[in-house]
PDB file of N, CA and C in Angstrom:
ATOM      1  N   UNK A   1     -45.825 -30.875  53.649  1.00  0.00           N
ATOM      2  CA  UNK A   1     -45.660 -30.540  52.258  1.00  0.00           C
ATOM      3  C   UNK A   1     -44.535 -31.406  51.701  1.00  0.00           C
ATOM      4  N   UNK A   2     -44.802 -32.039  50.579  1.00  0.00           N
ATOM      5  CA  UNK A   2     -43.820 -32.931  49.977  1.00  0.00           C
ATOM      6  C   UNK A   2     -43.542 -32.487  48.547  1.00  0.00           C
ATOM      7  N   UNK A   3     -42.274 -32.382  48.190  1.00  0.00           N
ATOM      8  CA  UNK A   3     -41.920 -32.032  46.826  1.00  0.00           C
ATOM      9  C   UNK A   3     -42.297 -30.616  46.422  1.00  0.00           C
ATOM     10  N   UNK A   4     -42.475 -29.727  47.371  1.00  0.00           N
ATOM     11  CA  UNK A   4     -42.817 -28.343  47.048  1.00  0.00           C
ATOM     12  C   UNK A   4     -44.287 -28.087  46.781  1.00  0.00           C
ATOM     13  N   UNK A   5     -45.126 -29.101  46.971  1.00  0.00           N
ATOM     14  CA  UNK A   5     -46.556 -28.947  46.731  1.00  0.00           C
ATOM     15  C   UNK A   5     -47.341 -29.186  48.007  1.00  0.00           C
ATOM     16  N   UNK A   6     -48.434 -28.463  48.117  1.00  0.00           N
ATOM     17  CA  UNK A   6     -49.359 -28.696  49.218  1.00  0.00           C
ATOM     18  C   UNK A   6     -50.741 -28.915  48.611  1.00  0.00           C
ATOM     19  N   UNK A   7     -51.353 -30.000  48.953  1.00  0.00           N
ATOM     20  CA  UNK A   7     -52.678 -30.323  48.437  1.00  0.00           C
ATOM     21  C   UNK A   7     -53.691 -30.004  49.524  1.00  0.00           C
ATOM     22  N   UNK A   8     -54.706 -29.225  49.148  1.00  0.00           N
ATOM     23  CA  UNK A   8     -55.735 -28.830  50.101  1.00  0.00           C
ATOM     24  C   UNK A   8     -57.100 -29.190  49.528  1.00  0.00           C
ATOM     25  N   UNK A   9     -57.981 -29.644  50.385  1.00  0.00           N
ATOM     26  CA  UNK A   9     -59.334 -30.019  49.951  1.00  0.00           C
ATOM     27  C   UNK A   9     -60.216 -28.787  49.834  1.00  0.00           C
ATOM     28  N   UNK A  10     -61.092 -28.797  48.833  1.00  0.00           N
ATOM     29  CA  UNK A  10     -62.061 -27.708  48.693  1.00  0.00           C
ATOM     30  C   UNK A  10     -63.424 -28.115  49.246  1.00  0.00           C
ATOM     31  N   UNK A  11     -63.574 -29.388  49.630  1.00  0.00           N
ATOM     32  CA  UNK A  11     -64.818 -29.909  50.186  1.00  0.00           C
ATOM     33  C   UNK A  11     -65.986 -29.718  49.217  1.00  0.00           C
ATOM     34  N   UNK A  12     -65.746 -30.084  47.978  1.00  0.00           N
ATOM     35  CA  UNK A  12     -66.784 -29.985  46.947  1.00  0.00           C
ATOM     36  C   UNK A  12     -66.737 -28.654  46.229  1.00  0.00           C
ATOM     37  N   UNK A  13     -67.809 -28.335  45.555  1.00  0.00           N
ATOM     38  CA  UNK A  13     -67.892 -27.077  44.812  1.00  0.00           C
ATOM     39  C   UNK A  13     -67.893 -25.909  45.790  1.00  0.00           C
ATOM     40  N   UNK A  14     -67.111 -24.895  45.466  1.00  0.00           N
ATOM     41  CA  UNK A  14     -67.079 -23.727  46.357  1.00  0.00           C
ATOM     42  C   UNK A  14     -67.844 -22.553  45.761  1.00  0.00           C
ATOM     43  N   UNK A  15     -68.360 -22.723  44.552  1.00  0.00           N
ATOM     44  CA  UNK A  15     -69.238 -21.725  43.950  1.00  0.00           C
ATOM     45  C   UNK A  15     -70.429 -22.454  43.344  1.00  0.00           C
ATOM     46  N   UNK A  16     -71.581 -21.793  43.399  1.00  0.00           N
ATOM     47  CA  UNK A  16     -72.785 -22.403  42.851  1.00  0.00           C
ATOM     48  C   UNK A  16     -73.789 -21.300  42.566  1.00  0.00           C
ATOM     49  N   UNK A  17     -74.858 -21.640  41.889  1.00  0.00           N
ATOM     50  CA  UNK A  17     -75.946 -20.688  41.704  1.00  0.00           C
ATOM     51  C   UNK A  17     -76.603 -20.455  43.064  1.00  0.00           C
ATOM     52  N   UNK A  18     -77.165 -19.282  43.289  1.00  0.00           N
ATOM     53  CA  UNK A  18     -77.818 -19.020  44.577  1.00  0.00           C
ATOM     54  C   UNK A  18     -78.951 -20.010  44.840  1.00  0.00           C
ATOM     55  N   UNK A  19     -79.004 -20.519  46.064  1.00  0.00           N
ATOM     56  CA  UNK A  19     -80.069 -21.445  46.444  1.00  0.00           C
ATOM     57  C   UNK A  19     -81.215 -20.747  47.161  1.00  0.00           C
ATOM     58  N   UNK A  20     -80.932 -19.603  47.740  1.00  0.00           N
ATOM     59  CA  UNK A  20     -81.975 -18.883  48.463  1.00  0.00           C
ATOM     60  C   UNK A  20     -81.847 -17.388  48.192  1.00  0.00           C
ATOM     61  N   UNK A  21     -82.890 -16.669  48.509  1.00  0.00           N
ATOM     62  CA  UNK A  21     -82.893 -15.223  48.297  1.00  0.00           C
ATOM     63  C   UNK A  21     -81.812 -14.536  49.130  1.00  0.00           C
ATOM     64  N   UNK A  22     -81.457 -15.114  50.260  1.00  0.00           N
ATOM     65  CA  UNK A  22     -80.419 -14.528  51.112  1.00  0.00           C
ATOM     66  C   UNK A  22     -79.049 -14.511  50.444  1.00  0.00           C
ATOM     67  N   UNK A  23     -78.811 -15.421  49.509  1.00  0.00           N
ATOM     68  CA  UNK A  23     -77.517 -15.510  48.843  1.00  0.00           C
ATOM     69  C   UNK A  23     -77.413 -14.588  47.633  1.00  0.00           C
ATOM     70  N   UNK A  24     -78.511 -13.963  47.221  1.00  0.00           N
ATOM     71  CA  UNK A  24     -78.512 -13.109  46.035  1.00  0.00           C
ATOM     72  C   UNK A  24     -78.118 -11.694  46.432  1.00  0.00           C
ATOM     73  N   UNK A  25     -77.025 -11.177  45.872  1.00  0.00           N
ATOM     74  CA  UNK A  25     -76.594  -9.812  46.193  1.00  0.00           C
ATOM     75  C   UNK A  25     -77.613  -8.777  45.708  1.00  0.00           C
ATOM     76  N   UNK A  26     -77.673  -7.654  46.397  1.00  0.00           N
ATOM     77  CA  UNK A  26     -78.608  -6.589  46.037  1.00  0.00           C
ATOM     78  C   UNK A  26     -78.421  -6.120  44.603  1.00  0.00           C
ATOM     79  N   UNK A  27     -77.192  -6.189  44.095  1.00  0.00           N
ATOM     80  CA  UNK A  27     -76.895  -5.705  42.748  1.00  0.00           C
ATOM     81  C   UNK A  27     -77.702  -6.430  41.668  1.00  0.00           C
ATOM     82  N   UNK A  28     -78.028  -7.694  41.893  1.00  0.00           N
ATOM     83  CA  UNK A  28     -78.809  -8.414  40.879  1.00  0.00           C
ATOM     84  C   UNK A  28     -80.212  -8.775  41.355  1.00  0.00           C
ATOM     85  N   UNK A  29     -80.474  -8.630  42.618  1.00  0.00           N
ATOM     86  CA  UNK A  29     -81.781  -9.023  43.170  1.00  0.00           C
ATOM     87  C   UNK A  29     -82.938  -8.287  42.506  1.00  0.00           C
ATOM     88  N   UNK A  30     -82.729  -7.038  42.175  1.00  0.00           N
ATOM     89  CA  UNK A  30     -83.808  -6.223  41.617  1.00  0.00           C
ATOM     90  C   UNK A  30     -84.012  -6.444  40.126  1.00  0.00           C
ATOM     91  N   UNK A  31     -83.089  -7.163  39.494  1.00  0.00           N
ATOM     92  CA  UNK A  31     -83.236  -7.421  38.070  1.00  0.00           C
ATOM     93  C   UNK A  31     -84.291  -8.497  37.849  1.00  0.00           C
ATOM     94  N   UNK A  32     -84.882  -8.477  36.691  1.00  0.00           N
ATOM     95  CA  UNK A  32     -85.959  -9.396  36.360  1.00  0.00           C
ATOM     96  C   UNK A  32     -85.535 -10.865  36.543  1.00  0.00           C
ATOM     97  N   UNK A  33     -84.313 -11.172  36.226  1.00  0.00           N
ATOM     98  CA  UNK A  33     -83.797 -12.537  36.291  1.00  0.00           C
ATOM     99  C   UNK A  33     -83.059 -12.828  37.590  1.00  0.00           C
ATOM    100  N   UNK A  34     -82.957 -11.865  38.475  1.00  0.00           N
ATOM    101  CA  UNK A  34     -82.137 -11.980  39.673  1.00  0.00           C
ATOM    102  C   UNK A  34     -82.404 -13.194  40.543  1.00  0.00           C
ATOM    103  N   UNK A  35     -83.643 -13.580  40.679  1.00  0.00           N
ATOM    104  CA  UNK A  35     -83.972 -14.726  41.547  1.00  0.00           C
ATOM    105  C   UNK A  35     -83.569 -16.054  40.931  1.00  0.00           C
ATOM    106  N   UNK A  36     -83.358 -16.067  39.622  1.00  0.00           N
ATOM    107  CA  UNK A  36     -82.933 -17.306  38.952  1.00  0.00           C
ATOM    108  C   UNK A  36     -81.445 -17.577  39.136  1.00  0.00           C
ATOM    109  N   UNK A  37     -80.658 -16.506  39.209  1.00  0.00           N
ATOM    110  CA  UNK A  37     -79.213 -16.659  39.285  1.00  0.00           C
ATOM    111  C   UNK A  37     -78.590 -16.866  37.922  1.00  0.00           C
ATOM    112  N   UNK A  38     -79.405 -16.712  36.867  1.00  0.00           N
ATOM    113  CA  UNK A  38     -78.920 -16.828  35.492  1.00  0.00           C
ATOM    114  C   UNK A  38     -79.482 -15.650  34.707  1.00  0.00           C
ATOM    115  N   UNK A  39     -78.604 -14.894  34.063  1.00  0.00           N
ATOM    116  CA  UNK A  39     -79.001 -13.710  33.298  1.00  0.00           C
ATOM    117  C   UNK A  39     -79.625 -14.148  31.979  1.00  0.00           C
ATOM    118  N   UNK A  40     -80.934 -14.261  31.956  1.00  0.00           N
ATOM    119  CA  UNK A  40     -81.624 -14.716  30.755  1.00  0.00           C
ATOM    120  C   UNK A  40     -81.625 -13.655  29.663  1.00  0.00           C
ATOM    121  N   UNK A  41     -81.299 -12.426  30.009  1.00  0.00           N
ATOM    122  CA  UNK A  41     -81.219 -11.348  29.016  1.00  0.00           C
ATOM    123  C   UNK A  41     -79.793 -11.171  28.500  1.00  0.00           C
ATOM    124  N   UNK A  42     -78.831 -11.801  29.142  1.00  0.00           N
ATOM    125  CA  UNK A  42     -77.430 -11.636  28.778  1.00  0.00           C
ATOM    126  C   UNK A  42     -76.781 -12.950  28.401  1.00  0.00           C
ATOM    127  N   UNK A  43     -77.343 -13.637  27.406  1.00  0.00           N
ATOM    128  CA  UNK A  43     -76.776 -14.880  26.889  1.00  0.00           C
ATOM    129  C   UNK A  43     -76.733 -15.984  27.943  1.00  0.00           C
ATOM    130  N   UNK A  44     -77.675 -15.951  28.875  1.00  0.00           N
ATOM    131  CA  UNK A  44     -77.812 -16.974  29.918  1.00  0.00           C
ATOM    132  C   UNK A  44     -76.533 -17.137  30.746  1.00  0.00           C
ATOM    133  N   UNK A  45     -75.942 -16.018  31.071  1.00  0.00           N
ATOM    134  CA  UNK A  45     -74.729 -16.013  31.882  1.00  0.00           C
ATOM    135  C   UNK A  45     -75.080 -16.352  33.330  1.00  0.00           C
ATOM    136  N   UNK A  46     -74.441 -17.383  33.900  1.00  0.00           N
ATOM    137  CA  UNK A  46     -74.735 -17.731  35.293  1.00  0.00           C
ATOM    138  C   UNK A  46     -74.090 -16.737  36.261  1.00  0.00           C
ATOM    139  N   UNK A  47     -74.736 -16.521  37.384  1.00  0.00           N
ATOM    140  CA  UNK A  47     -74.188 -15.669  38.431  1.00  0.00           C
ATOM    141  C   UNK A  47     -73.904 -16.573  39.629  1.00  0.00           C
ATOM    142  N   UNK A  48     -72.625 -16.804  39.853  1.00  0.00           N
ATOM    143  CA  UNK A  48     -72.219 -17.718  40.915  1.00  0.00           C
ATOM    144  C   UNK A  48     -71.987 -16.992  42.230  1.00  0.00           C
ATOM    145  N   UNK A  49     -72.310 -17.650  43.313  1.00  0.00           N
ATOM    146  CA  UNK A  49     -72.056 -17.141  44.657  1.00  0.00           C
ATOM    147  C   UNK A  49     -71.330 -18.230  45.448  1.00  0.00           C
ATOM    148  N   UNK A  50     -70.706 -17.811  46.516  1.00  0.00           N
ATOM    149  CA  UNK A  50     -70.082 -18.766  47.440  1.00  0.00           C
ATOM    150  C   UNK A  50     -71.122 -19.051  48.530  1.00  0.00           C
ATOM    151  N   UNK A  51     -71.631 -20.272  48.596  1.00  0.00           N
ATOM    152  CA  UNK A  51     -72.622 -20.591  49.628  1.00  0.00           C
ATOM    153  C   UNK A  51     -72.061 -20.368  51.036  1.00  0.00           C
ATOM    154  N   UNK A  52     -72.919 -20.016  51.945  1.00  0.00           N
ATOM    155  CA  UNK A  52     -72.508 -19.708  53.318  1.00  0.00           C
ATOM    156  C   UNK A  52     -71.692 -20.799  53.985  1.00  0.00           C
ATOM    157  N   UNK A  53     -72.035 -22.058  53.719  1.00  0.00           N
ATOM    158  CA  UNK A  53     -71.308 -23.146  54.368  1.00  0.00           C
ATOM    159  C   UNK A  53     -69.935 -23.406  53.746  1.00  0.00           C
ATOM    160  N   UNK A  54     -69.608 -22.726  52.652  1.00  0.00           N
ATOM    161  CA  UNK A  54     -68.306 -22.892  51.997  1.00  0.00           C
ATOM    162  C   UNK A  54     -67.368 -21.715  52.222  1.00  0.00           C
ATOM    163  N   UNK A  55     -67.861 -20.654  52.807  1.00  0.00           N
ATOM    164  CA  UNK A  55     -67.042 -19.440  52.977  1.00  0.00           C
ATOM    165  C   UNK A  55     -65.772 -19.680  53.779  1.00  0.00           C
ATOM    166  N   UNK A  56     -65.855 -20.491  54.812  1.00  0.00           N
ATOM    167  CA  UNK A  56     -64.657 -20.742  55.621  1.00  0.00           C
ATOM    168  C   UNK A  56     -63.599 -21.481  54.817  1.00  0.00           C
ATOM    169  N   UNK A  57     -64.018 -22.346  53.899  1.00  0.00           N
ATOM    170  CA  UNK A  57     -63.067 -23.071  53.063  1.00  0.00           C
ATOM    171  C   UNK A  57     -62.419 -22.142  52.028  1.00  0.00           C
ATOM    172  N   UNK A  58     -63.203 -21.229  51.497  1.00  0.00           N
ATOM    173  CA  UNK A  58     -62.658 -20.261  50.542  1.00  0.00           C
ATOM    174  C   UNK A  58     -61.633 -19.375  51.233  1.00  0.00           C
ATOM    175  N   UNK A  59     -61.942 -18.926  52.440  1.00  0.00           N
ATOM    176  CA  UNK A  59     -60.987 -18.096  53.187  1.00  0.00           C
ATOM    177  C   UNK A  59     -59.702 -18.857  53.468  1.00  0.00           C
ATOM    178  N   UNK A  60     -59.815 -20.137  53.794  1.00  0.00           N
ATOM    179  CA  UNK A  60     -58.624 -20.951  54.055  1.00  0.00           C
ATOM    180  C   UNK A  60     -57.795 -21.106  52.789  1.00  0.00           C
ATOM    181  N   UNK A  61     -58.444 -21.278  51.647  1.00  0.00           N
ATOM    182  CA  UNK A  61     -57.720 -21.396  50.378  1.00  0.00           C
ATOM    183  C   UNK A  61     -57.001 -20.085  50.049  1.00  0.00           C
ATOM    184  N   UNK A  62     -57.677 -18.961  50.261  1.00  0.00           N
ATOM    185  CA  UNK A  62     -57.065 -17.660  50.007  1.00  0.00           C
ATOM    186  C   UNK A  62     -55.860 -17.427  50.910  1.00  0.00           C
ATOM    187  N   UNK A  63     -55.982 -17.816  52.158  1.00  0.00           N
ATOM    188  CA  UNK A  63     -54.865 -17.659  53.106  1.00  0.00           C
ATOM    189  C   UNK A  63     -53.683 -18.529  52.671  1.00  0.00           C
ATOM    190  N   UNK A  64     -53.964 -19.734  52.186  1.00  0.00           N
ATOM    191  CA  UNK A  64     -52.891 -20.628  51.729  1.00  0.00           C
ATOM    192  C   UNK A  64     -52.205 -20.073  50.492  1.00  0.00           C
ATOM    193  N   UNK A  65     -52.941 -19.367  49.655  1.00  0.00           N
ATOM    194  CA  UNK A  65     -52.361 -18.783  48.438  1.00  0.00           C
ATOM    195  C   UNK A  65     -51.330 -17.709  48.760  1.00  0.00           C
ATOM    196  N   UNK A  66     -51.524 -17.004  49.856  1.00  0.00           N
ATOM    197  CA  UNK A  66     -50.588 -15.941  50.225  1.00  0.00           C
ATOM    198  C   UNK A  66     -49.185 -16.495  50.482  1.00  0.00           C
ATOM    199  N   UNK A  67     -49.104 -17.735  50.935  1.00  0.00           N
ATOM    200  CA  UNK A  67     -47.802 -18.348  51.221  1.00  0.00           C
ATOM    201  C   UNK A  67     -47.251 -19.129  50.026  1.00  0.00           C
ATOM    202  N   UNK A  68     -48.024 -19.224  48.954  1.00  0.00           N
ATOM    203  CA  UNK A  68     -47.587 -20.021  47.791  1.00  0.00           C
ATOM    204  C   UNK A  68     -46.592 -19.256  46.937  1.00  0.00           C
TER     205      UNK A  68
END
């Protein structure tokens, strides 16, 4: 760490629209728009998830925040 800052890589986007049915939480899966990942009835609000291959990076970022 130099100058009081620590730079950590996020390895690209850590949130995205669901790519598969496995990534869609039960709370939205049953909704008409649930498989799209975008609420077409609610002003086209996107529903972002953390893809499985990015979860370890998100956990590492959260752990680093505790010491910040």
